[in-house]
PDB file of N, CA and C in Angstrom:
ATOM      1  N   MET A   1       3.669   1.133 -15.062  1.00  0.00           N
ATOM      2  CA  MET A   1       2.401   0.833 -15.704  1.00  0.00           C
ATOM      3  C   MET A   1       1.252   1.130 -14.742  1.00  0.00           C
ATOM      4  N   PRO A   2       0.194   1.698 -15.244  1.00  0.00           N
ATOM      5  CA  PRO A   2      -0.980   1.985 -14.401  1.00  0.00           C
ATOM      6  C   PRO A   2      -1.626   0.697 -13.881  1.00  0.00           C
ATOM      7  N   TRP A   3      -2.037   0.746 -12.623  1.00  0.00           N
ATOM      8  CA  TRP A   3      -2.660  -0.434 -12.013  1.00  0.00           C
ATOM      9  C   TRP A   3      -3.883  -0.903 -12.776  1.00  0.00           C
ATOM     10  N   ALA A   4      -4.695   0.030 -13.258  1.00  0.00           N
ATOM     11  CA  ALA A   4      -5.928  -0.342 -13.952  1.00  0.00           C
ATOM     12  C   ALA A   4      -5.633  -1.195 -15.190  1.00  0.00           C
ATOM     13  N   GLN A   5      -4.464  -0.991 -15.790  1.00  0.00           N
ATOM     14  CA  GLN A   5      -4.098  -1.733 -17.001  1.00  0.00           C
ATOM     15  C   GLN A   5      -3.211  -2.944 -16.707  1.00  0.00           C
ATOM     16  N   THR A   6      -2.787  -3.101 -15.469  1.00  0.00           N
ATOM     17  CA  THR A   6      -1.893  -4.213 -15.154  1.00  0.00           C
ATOM     18  C   THR A   6      -2.444  -5.048 -14.002  1.00  0.00           C
ATOM     19  N   TRP A   7      -2.187  -4.600 -12.767  1.00  0.00           N
ATOM     20  CA  TRP A   7      -2.569  -5.369 -11.580  1.00  0.00           C
ATOM     21  C   TRP A   7      -4.065  -5.658 -11.548  1.00  0.00           C
ATOM     22  N   ASP A   8      -4.903  -4.641 -11.678  1.00  0.00           N
ATOM     23  CA  ASP A   8      -6.356  -4.837 -11.603  1.00  0.00           C
ATOM     24  C   ASP A   8      -6.835  -5.780 -12.703  1.00  0.00           C
ATOM     25  N   LEU A   9      -6.299  -5.628 -13.886  1.00  0.00           N
ATOM     26  CA  LEU A   9      -6.681  -6.482 -15.006  1.00  0.00           C
ATOM     27  C   LEU A   9      -6.241  -7.934 -14.775  1.00  0.00           C
ATOM     28  N   LEU A  10      -5.031  -8.111 -14.272  1.00  0.00           N
ATOM     29  CA  LEU A  10      -4.535  -9.453 -13.964  1.00  0.00           C
ATOM     30  C   LEU A  10      -5.437 -10.153 -12.950  1.00  0.00           C
ATOM     31  N   ILE A  11      -5.787  -9.453 -11.888  1.00  0.00           N
ATOM     32  CA  ILE A  11      -6.642 -10.040 -10.853  1.00  0.00           C
ATOM     33  C   ILE A  11      -8.020 -10.377 -11.412  1.00  0.00           C
ATOM     34  N   LYS A  12      -8.580  -9.472 -12.173  1.00  0.00           N
ATOM     35  CA  LYS A  12      -9.919  -9.699 -12.739  1.00  0.00           C
ATOM     36  C   LYS A  12      -9.924 -10.900 -13.684  1.00  0.00           C
ATOM     37  N   ARG A  13      -8.958 -10.960 -14.576  1.00  0.00           N
ATOM     38  CA  ARG A  13      -8.920 -12.041 -15.567  1.00  0.00           C
ATOM     39  C   ARG A  13      -8.552 -13.387 -14.960  1.00  0.00           C
ATOM     40  N   SER A  14      -7.724 -13.385 -13.946  1.00  0.00           N
ATOM     41  CA  SER A  14      -7.299 -14.656 -13.350  1.00  0.00           C
ATOM     42  C   SER A  14      -8.346 -15.230 -12.402  1.00  0.00           C
ATOM     43  N   GLY A  15      -9.168 -14.354 -11.798  1.00  0.00           N
ATOM     44  CA  GLY A  15     -10.195 -14.819 -10.873  1.00  0.00           C
ATOM     45  C   GLY A  15      -9.661 -15.271  -9.529  1.00  0.00           C
ATOM     46  N   VAL A  16      -8.446 -14.878  -9.209  1.00  0.00           N
ATOM     47  CA  VAL A  16      -7.846 -15.244  -7.926  1.00  0.00           C
ATOM     48  C   VAL A  16      -7.744 -14.008  -7.037  1.00  0.00           C
ATOM     49  N   PRO A  17      -7.664 -14.224  -5.723  1.00  0.00           N
ATOM     50  CA  PRO A  17      -7.473 -13.082  -4.836  1.00  0.00           C
ATOM     51  C   PRO A  17      -6.121 -12.423  -5.103  1.00  0.00           C
ATOM     52  N   GLY A  18      -6.070 -11.139  -4.967  1.00  0.00           N
ATOM     53  CA  GLY A  18      -4.820 -10.419  -5.158  1.00  0.00           C
ATOM     54  C   GLY A  18      -4.446  -9.662  -3.901  1.00  0.00           C
ATOM     55  N   ILE A  19      -3.229  -9.823  -3.461  1.00  0.00           N
ATOM     56  CA  ILE A  19      -2.741  -9.118  -2.282  1.00  0.00           C
ATOM     57  C   ILE A  19      -1.504  -8.342  -2.708  1.00  0.00           C
ATOM     58  N   HIS A  20      -1.590  -7.044  -2.631  1.00  0.00           N
ATOM     59  CA  HIS A  20      -0.441  -6.203  -2.971  1.00  0.00           C
ATOM     60  C   HIS A  20       0.046  -5.551  -1.688  1.00  0.00           C
ATOM     61  N   PHE A  21       1.346  -5.601  -1.455  1.00  0.00           N
ATOM     62  CA  PHE A  21       1.906  -5.119  -0.193  1.00  0.00           C
ATOM     63  C   PHE A  21       1.568  -3.659   0.090  1.00  0.00           C
ATOM     64  N   GLU A  22       1.381  -2.852  -0.927  1.00  0.00           N
ATOM     65  CA  GLU A  22       1.083  -1.434  -0.705  1.00  0.00           C
ATOM     66  C   GLU A  22      -0.340  -1.204  -0.198  1.00  0.00           C
ATOM     67  N   ASP A  23      -1.183  -2.220  -0.283  1.00  0.00           N
ATOM     68  CA  ASP A  23      -2.577  -2.096   0.146  1.00  0.00           C
ATOM     69  C   ASP A  23      -2.796  -2.447   1.612  1.00  0.00           C
ATOM     70  N   HIS A  24      -1.752  -2.865   2.314  1.00  0.00           N
ATOM     71  CA  HIS A  24      -1.915  -3.353   3.681  1.00  0.00           C
ATOM     72  C   HIS A  24      -0.897  -2.721   4.620  1.00  0.00           C
ATOM     73  N   GLU A  25      -1.403  -2.088   5.677  1.00  0.00           N
ATOM     74  CA  GLU A  25      -0.531  -1.408   6.639  1.00  0.00           C
ATOM     75  C   GLU A  25       0.461  -2.355   7.306  1.00  0.00           C
ATOM     76  N   GLN A  26       0.083  -3.618   7.488  1.00  0.00           N
ATOM     77  CA  GLN A  26       0.955  -4.567   8.172  1.00  0.00           C
ATOM     78  C   GLN A  26       2.085  -5.075   7.271  1.00  0.00           C
ATOM     79  N   LEU A  27       2.116  -4.646   6.039  1.00  0.00           N
ATOM     80  CA  LEU A  27       3.185  -5.037   5.129  1.00  0.00           C
ATOM     81  C   LEU A  27       3.977  -3.785   4.719  1.00  0.00           C
ATOM     82  N   PRO A  28       4.619  -3.144   5.700  1.00  0.00           N
ATOM     83  CA  PRO A  28       5.344  -1.909   5.402  1.00  0.00           C
ATOM     84  C   PRO A  28       6.629  -2.180   4.625  1.00  0.00           C
ATOM     85  N   GLY A  29       7.389  -1.127   4.408  1.00  0.00           N
ATOM     86  CA  GLY A  29       8.630  -1.252   3.654  1.00  0.00           C
ATOM     87  C   GLY A  29       9.603  -2.237   4.269  1.00  0.00           C
ATOM     88  N   TYR A  30      10.242  -2.986   3.438  1.00  0.00           N
ATOM     89  CA  TYR A  30      11.234  -3.969   3.848  1.00  0.00           C
ATOM     90  C   TYR A  30      12.540  -3.630   3.159  1.00  0.00           C
ATOM     91  N   GLU A  31      13.622  -4.054   3.773  1.00  0.00           N
ATOM     92  CA  GLU A  31      14.916  -3.875   3.126  1.00  0.00           C
ATOM     93  C   GLU A  31      15.152  -5.059   2.200  1.00  0.00           C
ATOM     94  N   LEU A  32      15.405  -4.766   0.952  1.00  0.00           N
ATOM     95  CA  LEU A  32      15.677  -5.794  -0.038  1.00  0.00           C
ATOM     96  C   LEU A  32      17.159  -5.713  -0.389  1.00  0.00           C
ATOM     97  N   PRO A  33      17.981  -6.549   0.252  1.00  0.00           N
ATOM     98  CA  PRO A  33      19.434  -6.430   0.104  1.00  0.00           C
ATOM     99  C   PRO A  33      19.927  -6.397  -1.341  1.00  0.00           C
ATOM    100  N   GLU A  34      19.341  -7.218  -2.214  1.00  0.00           N
ATOM    101  CA  GLU A  34      19.778  -7.182  -3.614  1.00  0.00           C
ATOM    102  C   GLU A  34      18.593  -6.864  -4.528  1.00  0.00           C
ATOM    103  N   TRP A  35      17.630  -6.116  -4.008  1.00  0.00           N
ATOM    104  CA  TRP A  35      16.467  -5.570  -4.731  1.00  0.00           C
ATOM    105  C   TRP A  35      15.380  -6.578  -5.058  1.00  0.00           C
ATOM    106  N   SER A  36      15.520  -7.836  -4.641  1.00  0.00           N
ATOM    107  CA  SER A  36      14.455  -8.769  -4.992  1.00  0.00           C
ATOM    108  C   SER A  36      14.084  -9.752  -3.890  1.00  0.00           C
ATOM    109  N   HIS A  37      14.901  -9.907  -2.862  1.00  0.00           N
ATOM    110  CA  HIS A  37      14.620 -10.876  -1.813  1.00  0.00           C
ATOM    111  C   HIS A  37      14.724 -10.222  -0.443  1.00  0.00           C
ATOM    112  N   LEU A  38      13.932 -10.719   0.487  1.00  0.00           N
ATOM    113  CA  LEU A  38      14.003 -10.254   1.867  1.00  0.00           C
ATOM    114  C   LEU A  38      15.127 -10.980   2.600  1.00  0.00           C
ATOM    115  N   SER A  39      15.616 -10.354   3.651  1.00  0.00           N
ATOM    116  CA  SER A  39      16.566 -11.050   4.516  1.00  0.00           C
ATOM    117  C   SER A  39      15.810 -12.157   5.255  1.00  0.00           C
ATOM    118  N   GLY A  40      16.509 -13.114   5.823  1.00  0.00           N
ATOM    119  CA  GLY A  40      15.875 -14.221   6.534  1.00  0.00           C
ATOM    120  C   GLY A  40      14.917 -13.766   7.627  1.00  0.00           C
ATOM    121  N   PRO A  41      15.373 -12.904   8.560  1.00  0.00           N
ATOM    122  CA  PRO A  41      14.472 -12.448   9.618  1.00  0.00           C
ATOM    123  C   PRO A  41      13.264 -11.670   9.084  1.00  0.00           C
ATOM    124  N   GLU A  42      13.485 -10.842   8.073  1.00  0.00           N
ATOM    125  CA  GLU A  42      12.356 -10.093   7.506  1.00  0.00           C
ATOM    126  C   GLU A  42      11.408 -11.016   6.756  1.00  0.00           C
ATOM    127  N   ALA A  43      11.932 -12.040   6.111  1.00  0.00           N
ATOM    128  CA  ALA A  43      11.075 -12.992   5.402  1.00  0.00           C
ATOM    129  C   ALA A  43      10.161 -13.722   6.388  1.00  0.00           C
ATOM    130  N   ASP A  44      10.705 -14.091   7.542  1.00  0.00           N
ATOM    131  CA  ASP A  44       9.882 -14.747   8.568  1.00  0.00           C
ATOM    132  C   ASP A  44       8.768 -13.818   9.038  1.00  0.00           C
ATOM    133  N   TRP A  45       9.113 -12.557   9.294  1.00  0.00           N
ATOM    134  CA  TRP A  45       8.120 -11.600   9.777  1.00  0.00           C
ATOM    135  C   TRP A  45       7.082 -11.322   8.692  1.00  0.00           C
ATOM    136  N   PHE A  46       7.524 -11.124   7.458  1.00  0.00           N
ATOM    137  CA  PHE A  46       6.615 -10.872   6.345  1.00  0.00           C
ATOM    138  C   PHE A  46       5.630 -12.023   6.187  1.00  0.00           C
ATOM    139  N   THR A  47       6.130 -13.252   6.245  1.00  0.00           N
ATOM    140  CA  THR A  47       5.272 -14.429   6.100  1.00  0.00           C
ATOM    141  C   THR A  47       4.222 -14.480   7.206  1.00  0.00           C
ATOM    142  N   ALA A  48       4.621 -14.175   8.424  1.00  0.00           N
ATOM    143  CA  ALA A  48       3.676 -14.173   9.550  1.00  0.00           C
ATOM    144  C   ALA A  48       2.582 -13.126   9.346  1.00  0.00           C
ATOM    145  N   GLN A  49       2.905 -12.020   8.703  1.00  0.00           N
ATOM    146  CA  GLN A  49       1.917 -10.985   8.425  1.00  0.00           C
ATOM    147  C   GLN A  49       1.057 -11.325   7.206  1.00  0.00           C
ATOM    148  N   LEU A  50       1.656 -12.003   6.238  1.00  0.00           N
ATOM    149  CA  LEU A  50       0.977 -12.308   4.983  1.00  0.00           C
ATOM    150  C   LEU A  50      -0.043 -13.440   5.107  1.00  0.00           C
ATOM    151  N   VAL A  51       0.270 -14.473   5.862  1.00  0.00           N
ATOM    152  CA  VAL A  51      -0.597 -15.658   5.940  1.00  0.00           C
ATOM    153  C   VAL A  51      -2.032 -15.302   6.334  1.00  0.00           C
ATOM    154  N   PRO A  52      -2.275 -14.492   7.364  1.00  0.00           N
ATOM    155  CA  PRO A  52      -3.669 -14.151   7.679  1.00  0.00           C
ATOM    156  C   PRO A  52      -4.376 -13.410   6.541  1.00  0.00           C
ATOM    157  N   LEU A  53      -3.651 -12.593   5.795  1.00  0.00           N
ATOM    158  CA  LEU A  53      -4.255 -11.892   4.659  1.00  0.00           C
ATOM    159  C   LEU A  53      -4.663 -12.876   3.570  1.00  0.00           C
ATOM    160  N   VAL A  54      -3.805 -13.838   3.296  1.00  0.00           N
ATOM    161  CA  VAL A  54      -4.108 -14.857   2.285  1.00  0.00           C
ATOM    162  C   VAL A  54      -5.311 -15.684   2.722  1.00  0.00           C
ATOM    163  N   GLU A  55      -5.312 -16.121   3.971  1.00  0.00           N
ATOM    164  CA  GLU A  55      -6.439 -16.911   4.473  1.00  0.00           C
ATOM    165  C   GLU A  55      -7.745 -16.131   4.376  1.00  0.00           C
ATOM    166  N   HIS A  56      -7.707 -14.860   4.720  1.00  0.00           N
ATOM    167  CA  HIS A  56      -8.901 -14.014   4.651  1.00  0.00           C
ATOM    168  C   HIS A  56      -9.386 -13.879   3.207  1.00  0.00           C
ATOM    169  N   GLU A  57      -8.484 -13.616   2.282  1.00  0.00           N
ATOM    170  CA  GLU A  57      -8.868 -13.435   0.879  1.00  0.00           C
ATOM    171  C   GLU A  57      -9.483 -14.705   0.301  1.00  0.00           C
ATOM    172  N   PHE A  58      -8.904 -15.859   0.603  1.00  0.00           N
ATOM    173  CA  PHE A  58      -9.468 -17.104   0.083  1.00  0.00           C
ATOM    174  C   PHE A  58     -10.809 -17.428   0.741  1.00  0.00           C
ATOM    175  N   ALA A  59     -10.973 -17.087   2.004  1.00  0.00           N
ATOM    176  CA  ALA A  59     -12.274 -17.277   2.665  1.00  0.00           C
ATOM    177  C   ALA A  59     -13.329 -16.386   2.022  1.00  0.00           C
ATOM    178  N   GLN A  60     -12.957 -15.152   1.725  1.00  0.00           N
ATOM    179  CA  GLN A  60     -13.887 -14.226   1.063  1.00  0.00           C
ATOM    180  C   GLN A  60     -14.273 -14.771  -0.299  1.00  0.00           C
ATOM    181  N   GLN A  61     -13.320 -15.284  -1.043  1.00  0.00           N
ATOM    182  CA  GLN A  61     -13.599 -15.821  -2.364  1.00  0.00           C
ATOM    183  C   GLN A  61     -14.509 -17.044  -2.266  1.00  0.00           C
ATOM    184  N   ALA A  62     -14.288 -17.882  -1.278  1.00  0.00           N
ATOM    185  CA  ALA A  62     -15.136 -19.072  -1.093  1.00  0.00           C
ATOM    186  C   ALA A  62     -16.565 -18.664  -0.762  1.00  0.00           C
ATOM    187  N   MET A  63     -16.725 -17.637   0.040  1.00  0.00           N
ATOM    188  CA  MET A  63     -18.067 -17.170   0.396  1.00  0.00           C
ATOM    189  C   MET A  63     -18.786 -16.622  -0.829  1.00  0.00           C
ATOM    190  N   LYS A  64     -18.075 -15.936  -1.697  1.00  0.00           N
ATOM    191  CA  LYS A  64     -18.683 -15.351  -2.901  1.00  0.00           C
ATOM    192  C   LYS A  64     -19.119 -16.427  -3.878  1.00  0.00           C
ATOM    193  N   SER A  65     -18.369 -17.527  -3.936  1.00  0.00           N
ATOM    194  CA  SER A  65     -18.679 -18.572  -4.924  1.00  0.00           C
ATOM    195  C   SER A  65     -19.708 -19.580  -4.428  1.00  0.00           C
ATOM    196  N   SER A  66     -20.085 -19.494  -3.136  1.00  0.00           N
ATOM    197  CA  SER A  66     -21.072 -20.469  -2.639  1.00  0.00           C
ATOM    198  C   SER A  66     -22.461 -19.898  -2.602  1.00  0.00           C
TER     199      SER A  66
END
């Protein structure tokens, strides 16, 4: 499905920050052993990379709404 009709629309209508792994260099390809979950070590690394992105997005949203 095209992003403009799915992801972009979801983010716009929900009003929440959206973080897609393909948009961030620090979230490169991961091995998904059964196509849906990360391995334990990769999950730890992914989380460490994701948390600053989430914090940044919510800070940006707070600044826009104030």
